[in-house]
Amino acid sequence: MSASDKNKRLGRGLSALLGEPDVESRGSDTSTEPQATSQSGVKSLPIELIRPNPDQPRRNITAEELKALSDSVAEKGIVQPILVRPINETGANWEIVAGERRWRAAQIAKLHEIPALVRELTDRETLEIGIVENVQRADLNPVEEARGYKQLIDRFGNTQEDVAQAVSRSRSHVANMVRLLALPDGVLAFLEDGRISAGHARAIATAPDPVSLAEVIVEKGLSVRAAEMLAREALDRPAPEKKSRQAAESRDKDADTRALESDVAARLGLSVDIRHGAKGGEIRVEYTTLEQLDDVCRRLSSQSG
């Protein structure tokens, strides 16, 4: 797909990524594919010749979900066709792009065939569609969503803006979700199983020992606002040696440096520490939430533009 074609499709959601069926694609069936069962291009495919997508963004599919869906499939059949792409590998002719739960439920319901829409899709398009479908259905937990976005960025060279347009989210939402992956595994586990929300995770992301804070949040059932206060308290409790060092450094600064710190802090709304010497220096900006960091980055980007 050319860059211009990609840009036309990004930002238009799942239907745009799928594309509209045309006469040429409907006429390109190979001898191994069943004939279309309707003018929409839907085919009835043997279940045993379909394999799941190894890069499926959603990993957590519960037995309860499948049981409820398989009961519905046994009673009413598959109402919405799944989406597949041809692969023609040993043991399988098609790979699922969207609809793995329906395919699994059909197996449990002992169906032999399943209605499917066949599309020629690249790996990038397959991943994009899988993410878009699950995000639109609110099926992904925050960690799965973040990993999906990161795959699009790392494997296929999408920018955060590209991903945001493809899934109809803001760029800051995509950026904040991807940043969650920098959290310790213990916090990600709480986030993945729903014991804390993405808001909780963002609140404690920059605090010391976020795993311990996450455990407190779960134990006490704290709100996101309470989690933010907990993280702020943790940040405001420096170690004794750090506190004495900071006090000594502050006394050593001249009046001009302290005035400049106050000016920059007032502009950013954040605590600022300026240190300089004969060979240069550094500016440190302290923030407590990822939203504050994103705001600083946005300001710097607008200034550089």
C-alpha atoms as a PDB file:
ATOM      1  CA  MET A   1       0.000   0.000   0.000  1.00  0.00           C
ATOM      2  CA  SER A   2       1.413   3.402  -0.947  1.00  0.00           C
ATOM      3  CA  ALA A   3       1.851   6.180   1.606  1.00  0.00           C
ATOM      4  CA  SER A   4      -0.983   8.144   0.021  1.00  0.00           C
ATOM      5  CA  ASP A   5      -3.333   5.142   0.182  1.00  0.00           C
ATOM      6  CA  LYS A   6      -2.381   4.569   3.820  1.00  0.00           C
ATOM      7  CA  ASN A   7      -3.062   8.187   4.720  1.00  0.00           C
ATOM      8  CA  LYS A   8      -6.460   8.035   3.044  1.00  0.00           C
ATOM      9  CA  ARG A   9      -7.427   5.028   5.164  1.00  0.00           C
ATOM     10  CA  LEU A  10      -6.007   6.073   8.510  1.00  0.00           C
ATOM     11  CA  GLY A  11      -8.495   7.884  10.702  1.00  0.00           C
ATOM     12  CA  ARG A  12     -11.611   6.441   9.060  1.00  0.00           C
ATOM     13  CA  GLY A  13     -12.026   3.532  11.446  1.00  0.00           C
ATOM     14  CA  LEU A  14     -12.555  -0.180  10.887  1.00  0.00           C
ATOM     15  CA  SER A  15     -14.640   0.099   7.711  1.00  0.00           C
ATOM     16  CA  ALA A  16     -11.920   2.187   6.052  1.00  0.00           C
ATOM     17  CA  LEU A  17      -9.207  -0.299   6.963  1.00  0.00           C
ATOM     18  CA  LEU A  18     -11.302  -3.105   5.531  1.00  0.00           C
ATOM     19  CA  GLY A  19     -11.966  -1.238   2.304  1.00  0.00           C
ATOM     20  CA  GLU A  20     -14.996  -1.684   0.095  1.00  0.00           C
ATOM     21  CA  PRO A  21     -15.365  -4.968  -1.820  1.00  0.00           C
ATOM     22  CA  ASP A  22     -14.944  -4.490  -5.560  1.00  0.00           C
ATOM     23  CA  VAL A  23     -15.531  -6.538  -8.693  1.00  0.00           C
ATOM     24  CA  GLU A  24     -11.846  -7.261  -9.151  1.00  0.00           C
ATOM     25  CA  SER A  25     -11.368  -8.690  -5.643  1.00  0.00           C
ATOM     26  CA  ARG A  26     -14.498 -10.807  -5.935  1.00  0.00           C
ATOM     27  CA  GLY A  27     -13.263 -12.218  -9.195  1.00  0.00           C
ATOM     28  CA  SER A  28      -9.871 -13.248  -7.868  1.00  0.00           C
ATOM     29  CA  ASP A  29     -10.976 -16.354  -5.960  1.00  0.00           C
ATOM     30  CA  THR A  30      -8.532 -19.253  -6.148  1.00  0.00           C
ATOM     31  CA  SER A  31      -9.639 -22.822  -6.758  1.00  0.00           C
ATOM     32  CA  THR A  32      -9.148 -23.640  -3.064  1.00  0.00           C
ATOM     33  CA  GLU A  33     -11.677 -21.030  -1.895  1.00  0.00           C
ATOM     34  CA  PRO A  34     -15.433 -21.703  -1.699  1.00  0.00           C
ATOM     35  CA  GLN A  35     -17.644 -19.584  -3.919  1.00  0.00           C
ATOM     36  CA  ALA A  36     -19.210 -16.455  -2.461  1.00  0.00           C
ATOM     37  CA  THR A  37     -22.557 -17.203  -0.851  1.00  0.00           C
ATOM     38  CA  SER A  38     -23.901 -13.674  -1.394  1.00  0.00           C
ATOM     39  CA  GLN A  39     -23.214 -10.475  -3.311  1.00  0.00           C
ATOM     40  CA  SER A  40     -21.508  -9.041  -0.214  1.00  0.00           C
ATOM     41  CA  GLY A  41     -18.548 -11.394  -0.677  1.00  0.00           C
ATOM     42  CA  VAL A  42     -19.272 -13.503   2.410  1.00  0.00           C
ATOM     43  CA  LYS A  43     -18.105 -17.122   2.086  1.00  0.00           C
ATOM     44  CA  SER A  44     -18.807 -20.232   4.113  1.00  0.00           C
ATOM     45  CA  LEU A  45     -15.381 -21.567   5.180  1.00  0.00           C
ATOM     46  CA  PRO A  46     -14.422 -24.879   6.850  1.00  0.00           C
ATOM     47  CA  ILE A  47     -13.555 -24.144  10.470  1.00  0.00           C
ATOM     48  CA  GLU A  48     -10.613 -26.560  10.499  1.00  0.00           C
ATOM     49  CA  LEU A  49      -8.872 -24.623   7.694  1.00  0.00           C
ATOM     50  CA  ILE A  50      -8.834 -21.372   9.687  1.00  0.00           C
ATOM     51  CA  ARG A  51      -6.176 -20.469  12.222  1.00  0.00           C
ATOM     52  CA  PRO A  52      -6.105 -17.666  14.829  1.00  0.00           C
ATOM     53  CA  ASN A  53      -3.853 -14.651  14.377  1.00  0.00           C
ATOM     54  CA  PRO A  54      -0.688 -15.047  16.518  1.00  0.00           C
ATOM     55  CA  ASP A  55      -0.518 -11.232  16.828  1.00  0.00           C
ATOM     56  CA  GLN A  56      -4.116 -10.875  18.028  1.00  0.00           C
ATOM     57  CA  PRO A  57      -4.085  -7.847  20.376  1.00  0.00           C
ATOM     58  CA  ARG A  58      -6.579  -9.407  22.767  1.00  0.00           C
ATOM     59  CA  ARG A  59      -5.045 -12.179  24.872  1.00  0.00           C
ATOM     60  CA  ASN A  60      -7.522 -12.526  27.715  1.00  0.00           C
ATOM     61  CA  ILE A  61     -10.659 -14.359  26.557  1.00  0.00           C
ATOM     62  CA  THR A  62     -12.492 -15.937  29.479  1.00  0.00           C
ATOM     63  CA  ALA A  63     -14.216 -19.315  29.506  1.00  0.00           C
ATOM     64  CA  GLU A  64     -17.415 -17.604  30.662  1.00  0.00           C
ATOM     65  CA  GLU A  65     -17.430 -15.348  27.599  1.00  0.00           C
ATOM     66  CA  LEU A  66     -16.937 -18.276  25.235  1.00  0.00           C
ATOM     67  CA  LYS A  67     -19.621 -20.354  26.956  1.00  0.00           C
ATOM     68  CA  ALA A  68     -22.205 -17.576  26.655  1.00  0.00           C
ATOM     69  CA  LEU A  69     -21.275 -16.907  23.033  1.00  0.00           C
ATOM     70  CA  SER A  70     -21.247 -20.588  22.052  1.00  0.00           C
ATOM     71  CA  ASP A  71     -24.735 -21.018  23.531  1.00  0.00           C
ATOM     72  CA  SER A  72     -25.918 -18.120  21.384  1.00  0.00           C
ATOM     73  CA  VAL A  73     -24.186 -19.533  18.299  1.00  0.00           C
ATOM     74  CA  ALA A  74     -25.742 -22.964  18.859  1.00  0.00           C
ATOM     75  CA  GLU A  75     -29.188 -21.349  19.015  1.00  0.00           C
ATOM     76  CA  LYS A  76     -28.946 -18.606  16.377  1.00  0.00           C
ATOM     77  CA  GLY A  77     -25.803 -19.355  14.369  1.00  0.00           C
ATOM     78  CA  ILE A  78     -23.108 -16.815  13.468  1.00  0.00           C
ATOM     79  CA  VAL A  79     -24.917 -13.508  12.904  1.00  0.00           C
ATOM     80  CA  GLN A  80     -21.841 -11.455  11.940  1.00  0.00           C
ATOM     81  CA  PRO A  81     -19.229 -13.021   9.613  1.00  0.00           C
ATOM     82  CA  ILE A  82     -15.629 -13.119  10.771  1.00  0.00           C
ATOM     83  CA  LEU A  83     -12.873 -11.431   8.755  1.00  0.00           C
ATOM     84  CA  VAL A  84      -9.991 -13.547   7.417  1.00  0.00           C
ATOM     85  CA  ARG A  85      -7.073 -13.254   5.035  1.00  0.00           C
ATOM     86  CA  PRO A  86      -5.685 -16.049   2.816  1.00  0.00           C
ATOM     87  CA  ILE A  87      -2.397 -17.584   3.947  1.00  0.00           C
ATOM     88  CA  ASN A  88      -2.305 -20.995   2.226  1.00  0.00           C
ATOM     89  CA  GLU A  89       0.022 -22.509   4.819  1.00  0.00           C
ATOM     90  CA  THR A  90       0.166 -26.197   5.692  1.00  0.00           C
ATOM     91  CA  GLY A  91      -2.912 -27.083   7.721  1.00  0.00           C
ATOM     92  CA  ALA A  92      -4.694 -23.770   7.172  1.00  0.00           C
ATOM     93  CA  ASN A  93      -5.872 -21.653   4.250  1.00  0.00           C
ATOM     94  CA  TRP A  94      -7.021 -18.575   6.126  1.00  0.00           C
ATOM     95  CA  GLU A  95      -5.951 -16.534   9.153  1.00  0.00           C
ATOM     96  CA  ILE A  96      -8.398 -14.668  11.372  1.00  0.00           C
ATOM     97  CA  VAL A  97      -8.146 -10.887  11.252  1.00  0.00           C
ATOM     98  CA  ALA A  98     -11.237 -10.143  13.345  1.00  0.00           C
ATOM     99  CA  GLY A  99     -13.669 -12.504  15.058  1.00  0.00           C
ATOM    100  CA  GLU A 100     -11.553 -15.054  16.925  1.00  0.00           C
ATOM    101  CA  ARG A 101     -14.135 -15.396  19.705  1.00  0.00           C
ATOM    102  CA  ARG A 102     -16.858 -16.178  17.166  1.00  0.00           C
ATOM    103  CA  TRP A 103     -14.587 -18.802  15.576  1.00  0.00           C
ATOM    104  CA  ARG A 104     -13.832 -20.394  18.952  1.00  0.00           C
ATOM    105  CA  ALA A 105     -17.499 -20.317  19.950  1.00  0.00           C
ATOM    106  CA  ALA A 106     -18.442 -21.977  16.640  1.00  0.00           C
ATOM    107  CA  GLN A 107     -15.993 -24.791  17.412  1.00  0.00           C
ATOM    108  CA  ILE A 108     -17.522 -25.285  20.868  1.00  0.00           C
ATOM    109  CA  ALA A 109     -20.978 -25.287  19.271  1.00  0.00           C
ATOM    110  CA  LYS A 110     -19.679 -28.036  16.906  1.00  0.00           C
ATOM    111  CA  LEU A 111     -20.250 -26.077  13.694  1.00  0.00           C
ATOM    112  CA  HIS A 112     -18.290 -27.309  10.666  1.00  0.00           C
ATOM    113  CA  GLU A 113     -18.337 -24.063   8.674  1.00  0.00           C
ATOM    114  CA  ILE A 114     -18.405 -20.371   9.510  1.00  0.00           C
ATOM    115  CA  PRO A 115     -19.375 -17.332   7.412  1.00  0.00           C
ATOM    116  CA  ALA A 116     -16.378 -15.170   6.624  1.00  0.00           C
ATOM    117  CA  LEU A 117     -15.348 -12.134   4.640  1.00  0.00           C
ATOM    118  CA  VAL A 118     -12.036 -12.746   2.839  1.00  0.00           C
ATOM    119  CA  ARG A 119      -9.618  -9.853   2.288  1.00  0.00           C
ATOM    120  CA  GLU A 120      -6.048  -9.625   1.000  1.00  0.00           C
ATOM    121  CA  LEU A 121      -4.352  -7.791   3.884  1.00  0.00           C
ATOM    122  CA  THR A 122      -0.774  -7.039   4.938  1.00  0.00           C
ATOM    123  CA  ASP A 123       0.576  -7.749   8.411  1.00  0.00           C
ATOM    124  CA  ARG A 124       0.257  -4.047   9.243  1.00  0.00           C
ATOM    125  CA  GLU A 125      -3.371  -3.850   8.107  1.00  0.00           C
ATOM    126  CA  THR A 126      -4.173  -7.062   9.984  1.00  0.00           C
ATOM    127  CA  LEU A 127      -2.807  -5.642  13.239  1.00  0.00           C
ATOM    128  CA  GLU A 128      -4.515  -2.278  12.703  1.00  0.00           C
ATOM    129  CA  ILE A 129      -7.882  -3.909  12.120  1.00  0.00           C
ATOM    130  CA  GLY A 130      -7.489  -6.192  15.141  1.00  0.00           C
ATOM    131  CA  ILE A 131      -6.772  -3.202  17.378  1.00  0.00           C
ATOM    132  CA  VAL A 132      -9.519  -1.024  15.904  1.00  0.00           C
ATOM    133  CA  GLU A 133     -12.153  -3.739  16.219  1.00  0.00           C
ATOM    134  CA  ASN A 134     -11.287  -4.498  19.830  1.00  0.00           C
ATOM    135  CA  VAL A 135     -10.962  -0.840  20.845  1.00  0.00           C
ATOM    136  CA  GLN A 136     -14.320  -0.007  19.278  1.00  0.00           C
ATOM    137  CA  ARG A 137     -15.913  -2.923  21.148  1.00  0.00           C
ATOM    138  CA  ALA A 138     -14.060  -1.952  24.367  1.00  0.00           C
ATOM    139  CA  ASP A 139     -12.719  -5.532  24.489  1.00  0.00           C
ATOM    140  CA  LEU A 140      -9.068  -4.751  25.237  1.00  0.00           C
ATOM    141  CA  ASN A 141      -7.737  -4.167  28.730  1.00  0.00           C
ATOM    142  CA  PRO A 142      -5.350  -1.162  28.996  1.00  0.00           C
ATOM    143  CA  VAL A 143      -2.198  -3.293  28.778  1.00  0.00           C
ATOM    144  CA  GLU A 144      -3.398  -5.097  25.635  1.00  0.00           C
ATOM    145  CA  GLU A 145      -4.379  -1.776  24.086  1.00  0.00           C
ATOM    146  CA  ALA A 146      -0.987  -0.242  24.904  1.00  0.00           C
ATOM    147  CA  ARG A 147       0.910  -3.234  23.507  1.00  0.00           C
ATOM    148  CA  GLY A 148      -1.129  -3.066  20.313  1.00  0.00           C
ATOM    149  CA  TYR A 149      -0.284   0.605  19.822  1.00  0.00           C
ATOM    150  CA  LYS A 150       3.402  -0.086  20.512  1.00  0.00           C
ATOM    151  CA  GLN A 151       3.427  -2.869  17.919  1.00  0.00           C
ATOM    152  CA  LEU A 152       2.065  -0.501  15.281  1.00  0.00           C
ATOM    153  CA  ILE A 153       4.740   2.037  16.181  1.00  0.00           C
ATOM    154  CA  ASP A 154       7.733  -0.293  16.576  1.00  0.00           C
ATOM    155  CA  ARG A 155       7.050  -2.901  13.868  1.00  0.00           C
ATOM    156  CA  PHE A 156       5.488  -0.801  11.145  1.00  0.00           C
ATOM    157  CA  GLY A 157       6.868   2.683  11.671  1.00  0.00           C
ATOM    158  CA  ASN A 158       3.580   4.416  12.457  1.00  0.00           C
ATOM    159  CA  THR A 159       3.771   7.661  14.400  1.00  0.00           C
ATOM    160  CA  GLN A 160       1.599   8.193  17.450  1.00  0.00           C
ATOM    161  CA  GLU A 161      -0.526  10.521  15.318  1.00  0.00           C
ATOM    162  CA  ASP A 162      -1.015   7.772  12.688  1.00  0.00           C
ATOM    163  CA  VAL A 163      -2.130   5.315  15.354  1.00  0.00           C
ATOM    164  CA  ALA A 164      -4.436   7.875  16.966  1.00  0.00           C
ATOM    165  CA  GLN A 165      -6.177   8.524  13.638  1.00  0.00           C
ATOM    166  CA  ALA A 166      -6.523   4.810  12.885  1.00  0.00           C
ATOM    167  CA  VAL A 167      -8.253   4.042  16.189  1.00  0.00           C
ATOM    168  CA  SER A 168     -10.152   7.360  16.464  1.00  0.00           C
ATOM    169  CA  ARG A 169      -8.357   8.413  19.645  1.00  0.00           C
ATOM    170  CA  SER A 170      -6.332  11.511  20.521  1.00  0.00           C
ATOM    171  CA  ARG A 171      -2.556  11.465  20.163  1.00  0.00           C
ATOM    172  CA  SER A 172      -2.200  12.169  23.894  1.00  0.00           C
ATOM    173  CA  HIS A 173      -4.373   9.101  24.643  1.00  0.00           C
ATOM    174  CA  VAL A 174      -2.092   6.890  22.545  1.00  0.00           C
ATOM    175  CA  ALA A 175       1.022   8.437  24.130  1.00  0.00           C
ATOM    176  CA  ASN A 176      -0.329   7.957  27.657  1.00  0.00           C
ATOM    177  CA  MET A 177      -1.317   4.352  26.980  1.00  0.00           C
ATOM    178  CA  VAL A 178       2.109   3.447  25.551  1.00  0.00           C
ATOM    179  CA  ARG A 179       3.834   5.039  28.559  1.00  0.00           C
ATOM    180  CA  LEU A 180       1.997   2.614  30.825  1.00  0.00           C
ATOM    181  CA  LEU A 181       4.233  -0.169  29.497  1.00  0.00           C
ATOM    182  CA  ALA A 182       7.172   1.402  31.360  1.00  0.00           C
ATOM    183  CA  LEU A 183       5.504   0.505  34.681  1.00  0.00           C
ATOM    184  CA  PRO A 184       6.823  -2.487  36.683  1.00  0.00           C
ATOM    185  CA  ASP A 185       5.325  -5.897  35.910  1.00  0.00           C
ATOM    186  CA  GLY A 186       3.547  -5.953  39.260  1.00  0.00           C
ATOM    187  CA  VAL A 187       1.558  -2.824  38.387  1.00  0.00           C
ATOM    188  CA  LEU A 188       0.843  -4.097  34.866  1.00  0.00           C
ATOM    189  CA  ALA A 189      -0.554  -7.317  36.355  1.00  0.00           C
ATOM    190  CA  PHE A 190      -3.004  -5.320  38.502  1.00  0.00           C
ATOM    191  CA  LEU A 191      -3.935  -3.249  35.457  1.00  0.00           C
ATOM    192  CA  GLU A 192      -4.367  -6.278  33.197  1.00  0.00           C
ATOM    193  CA  ASP A 193      -6.768  -8.082  35.520  1.00  0.00           C
ATOM    194  CA  GLY A 194      -8.807  -4.949  36.227  1.00  0.00           C
ATOM    195  CA  ARG A 195      -7.873  -4.415  39.869  1.00  0.00           C
ATOM    196  CA  ILE A 196      -6.667  -0.899  39.040  1.00  0.00           C
ATOM    197  CA  SER A 197      -7.580   1.385  36.128  1.00  0.00           C
ATOM    198  CA  ALA A 198      -5.360   3.197  33.628  1.00  0.00           C
ATOM    199  CA  GLY A 199      -6.049   6.353  35.643  1.00  0.00           C
ATOM    200  CA  HIS A 200      -4.679   4.711  38.790  1.00  0.00           C
ATOM    201  CA  ALA A 201      -1.611   3.510  36.894  1.00  0.00           C
ATOM    202  CA  ARG A 202      -0.883   6.954  35.449  1.00  0.00           C
ATOM    203  CA  ALA A 203      -1.261   8.507  38.893  1.00  0.00           C
ATOM    204  CA  ILE A 204       1.500   6.369  40.420  1.00  0.00           C
ATOM    205  CA  ALA A 205       3.751   6.036  37.354  1.00  0.00           C
ATOM    206  CA  THR A 206       6.332   8.580  38.507  1.00  0.00           C
ATOM    207  CA  ALA A 207       6.162   7.830  42.224  1.00  0.00           C
ATOM    208  CA  PRO A 208       8.808   5.826  44.059  1.00  0.00           C
ATOM    209  CA  ASP A 209       7.888   2.148  44.433  1.00  0.00           C
ATOM    210  CA  PRO A 210       4.681   2.167  42.321  1.00  0.00           C
ATOM    211  CA  VAL A 211       4.088  -1.539  43.044  1.00  0.00           C
ATOM    212  CA  SER A 212       3.630  -0.825  46.766  1.00  0.00           C
ATOM    213  CA  LEU A 213       1.304   2.063  45.945  1.00  0.00           C
ATOM    214  CA  ALA A 214      -0.726  -0.170  43.631  1.00  0.00           C
ATOM    215  CA  GLU A 215      -1.108  -2.704  46.420  1.00  0.00           C
ATOM    216  CA  VAL A 216      -2.406   0.042  48.733  1.00  0.00           C
ATOM    217  CA  ILE A 217      -4.862   1.204  46.045  1.00  0.00           C
ATOM    218  CA  VAL A 218      -6.208  -2.332  45.611  1.00  0.00           C
ATOM    219  CA  GLU A 219      -6.353  -3.065  49.343  1.00  0.00           C
ATOM    220  CA  LYS A 220      -8.188   0.173  50.203  1.00  0.00           C
ATOM    221  CA  GLY A 221     -10.206   0.478  47.005  1.00  0.00           C
ATOM    222  CA  LEU A 222      -8.928   4.018  46.408  1.00  0.00           C
ATOM    223  CA  SER A 223     -10.303   6.306  43.708  1.00  0.00           C
ATOM    224  CA  VAL A 224      -8.026   7.796  41.051  1.00  0.00           C
ATOM    225  CA  ARG A 225      -8.085  11.135  42.902  1.00  0.00           C
ATOM    226  CA  ALA A 226      -7.036   9.416  46.117  1.00  0.00           C
ATOM    227  CA  ALA A 227      -4.296   7.560  44.205  1.00  0.00           C
ATOM    228  CA  GLU A 228      -2.972  10.887  42.903  1.00  0.00           C
ATOM    229  CA  MET A 229      -2.810  12.227  46.469  1.00  0.00           C
ATOM    230  CA  LEU A 230      -1.055   9.042  47.598  1.00  0.00           C
ATOM    231  CA  ALA A 231       1.538   9.411  44.830  1.00  0.00           C
ATOM    232  CA  ARG A 232       2.033  13.092  45.645  1.00  0.00           C
ATOM    233  CA  GLU A 233       2.650  12.273  49.288  1.00  0.00           C
ATOM    234  CA  ALA A 234       5.220   9.638  48.280  1.00  0.00           C
ATOM    235  CA  LEU A 235       7.010  12.150  46.055  1.00  0.00           C
ATOM    236  CA  ASP A 236       6.991  14.739  48.840  1.00  0.00           C
ATOM    237  CA  ARG A 237       8.732  12.357  51.237  1.00  0.00           C
ATOM    238  CA  PRO A 238      12.398  12.405  50.112  1.00  0.00           C
ATOM    239  CA  ALA A 239      14.952  10.342  51.977  1.00  0.00           C
ATOM    240  CA  PRO A 240      16.619  12.240  54.861  1.00  0.00           C
ATOM    241  CA  GLU A 241      19.962  12.444  53.072  1.00  0.00           C
ATOM    242  CA  LYS A 242      18.276  13.734  49.925  1.00  0.00           C
ATOM    243  CA  LYS A 243      16.371  16.351  51.909  1.00  0.00           C
ATOM    244  CA  SER A 244      19.520  17.678  53.584  1.00  0.00           C
ATOM    245  CA  ARG A 245      21.378  17.702  50.248  1.00  0.00           C
ATOM    246  CA  GLN A 246      18.581  19.661  48.562  1.00  0.00           C
ATOM    247  CA  ALA A 247      18.537  22.183  51.391  1.00  0.00           C
ATOM    248  CA  ALA A 248      22.295  22.695  51.123  1.00  0.00           C
ATOM    249  CA  GLU A 249      22.116  23.101  47.352  1.00  0.00           C
ATOM    250  CA  SER A 250      19.321  25.655  47.664  1.00  0.00           C
ATOM    251  CA  ARG A 251      21.387  27.741  50.100  1.00  0.00           C
ATOM    252  CA  ASP A 252      24.313  27.695  47.665  1.00  0.00           C
ATOM    253  CA  LYS A 253      22.272  29.204  44.775  1.00  0.00           C
ATOM    254  CA  ASP A 254      22.492  32.912  44.102  1.00  0.00           C
ATOM    255  CA  ALA A 255      19.453  35.177  44.017  1.00  0.00           C
ATOM    256  CA  ASP A 256      19.380  35.320  40.204  1.00  0.00           C
ATOM    257  CA  THR A 257      19.221  31.519  39.905  1.00  0.00           C
ATOM    258  CA  ARG A 258      16.417  31.277  42.448  1.00  0.00           C
ATOM    259  CA  ALA A 259      14.508  34.050  40.654  1.00  0.00           C
ATOM    260  CA  LEU A 260      14.908  32.249  37.308  1.00  0.00           C
ATOM    261  CA  GLU A 261      13.651  29.017  38.885  1.00  0.00           C
ATOM    262  CA  SER A 262      10.574  30.823  40.146  1.00  0.00           C
ATOM    263  CA  ASP A 263       9.915  32.373  36.724  1.00  0.00           C
ATOM    264  CA  VAL A 264      10.157  29.045  34.839  1.00  0.00           C
ATOM    265  CA  ALA A 265       8.120  27.253  37.525  1.00  0.00           C
ATOM    266  CA  ALA A 266       5.370  29.865  37.214  1.00  0.00           C
ATOM    267  CA  ARG A 267       5.230  29.380  33.436  1.00  0.00           C
ATOM    268  CA  LEU A 268       5.106  25.568  33.636  1.00  0.00           C
ATOM    269  CA  GLY A 269       3.097  25.217  36.810  1.00  0.00           C
ATOM    270  CA  LEU A 270       5.659  22.667  38.029  1.00  0.00           C
ATOM    271  CA  SER A 271       8.611  22.583  40.416  1.00  0.00           C
ATOM    272  CA  VAL A 272      11.875  23.567  38.675  1.00  0.00           C
ATOM    273  CA  ASP A 273      15.477  23.049  39.810  1.00  0.00           C
ATOM    274  CA  ILE A 274      18.276  24.876  37.930  1.00  0.00           C
ATOM    275  CA  ARG A 275      21.889  23.916  38.558  1.00  0.00           C
ATOM    276  CA  HIS A 276      24.826  25.454  36.775  1.00  0.00           C
ATOM    277  CA  GLY A 277      28.569  25.693  37.090  1.00  0.00           C
ATOM    278  CA  ALA A 278      31.682  26.667  35.184  1.00  0.00           C
ATOM    279  CA  LYS A 279      31.159  23.984  32.496  1.00  0.00           C
ATOM    280  CA  GLY A 280      27.386  24.309  32.064  1.00  0.00           C
ATOM    281  CA  GLY A 281      24.433  22.981  33.974  1.00  0.00           C
ATOM    282  CA  GLU A 282      20.994  21.365  33.883  1.00  0.00           C
ATOM    283  CA  ILE A 283      17.322  22.126  34.410  1.00  0.00           C
ATOM    284  CA  ARG A 284      15.120  19.598  36.224  1.00  0.00           C
ATOM    285  CA  VAL A 285      11.344  19.746  36.019  1.00  0.00           C
ATOM    286  CA  GLU A 286       9.371  17.642  38.512  1.00  0.00           C
ATOM    287  CA  TYR A 287       5.953  16.290  37.579  1.00  0.00           C
ATOM    288  CA  THR A 288       3.542  13.947  39.354  1.00  0.00           C
ATOM    289  CA  THR A 289       1.295  12.728  36.511  1.00  0.00           C
ATOM    290  CA  LEU A 290       1.831  11.697  32.893  1.00  0.00           C
ATOM    291  CA  GLU A 291      -0.656  14.374  31.846  1.00  0.00           C
ATOM    292  CA  GLN A 292       1.690  17.028  33.269  1.00  0.00           C
ATOM    293  CA  LEU A 293       4.618  15.543  31.335  1.00  0.00           C
ATOM    294  CA  ASP A 294       2.560  15.441  28.153  1.00  0.00           C
ATOM    295  CA  ASP A 295       1.648  19.104  28.662  1.00  0.00           C
ATOM    296  CA  VAL A 296       5.333  20.067  28.970  1.00  0.00           C
ATOM    297  CA  CYS A 297       6.185  18.087  25.821  1.00  0.00           C
ATOM    298  CA  ARG A 298       3.337  19.744  23.935  1.00  0.00           C
ATOM    299  CA  ARG A 299       4.544  23.199  24.970  1.00  0.00           C
ATOM    300  CA  LEU A 300       8.101  22.426  23.889  1.00  0.00           C
ATOM    301  CA  SER A 301       6.879  21.027  20.558  1.00  0.00           C
ATOM    302  CA  SER A 302       4.756  24.118  19.838  1.00  0.00           C
ATOM    303  CA  GLN A 303       7.696  26.382  20.660  1.00  0.00           C
ATOM    304  CA  SER A 304      10.055  24.464  18.370  1.00  0.00           C
ATOM    305  CA  GLY A 305       7.466  24.516  15.546  1.00  0.00           C
END
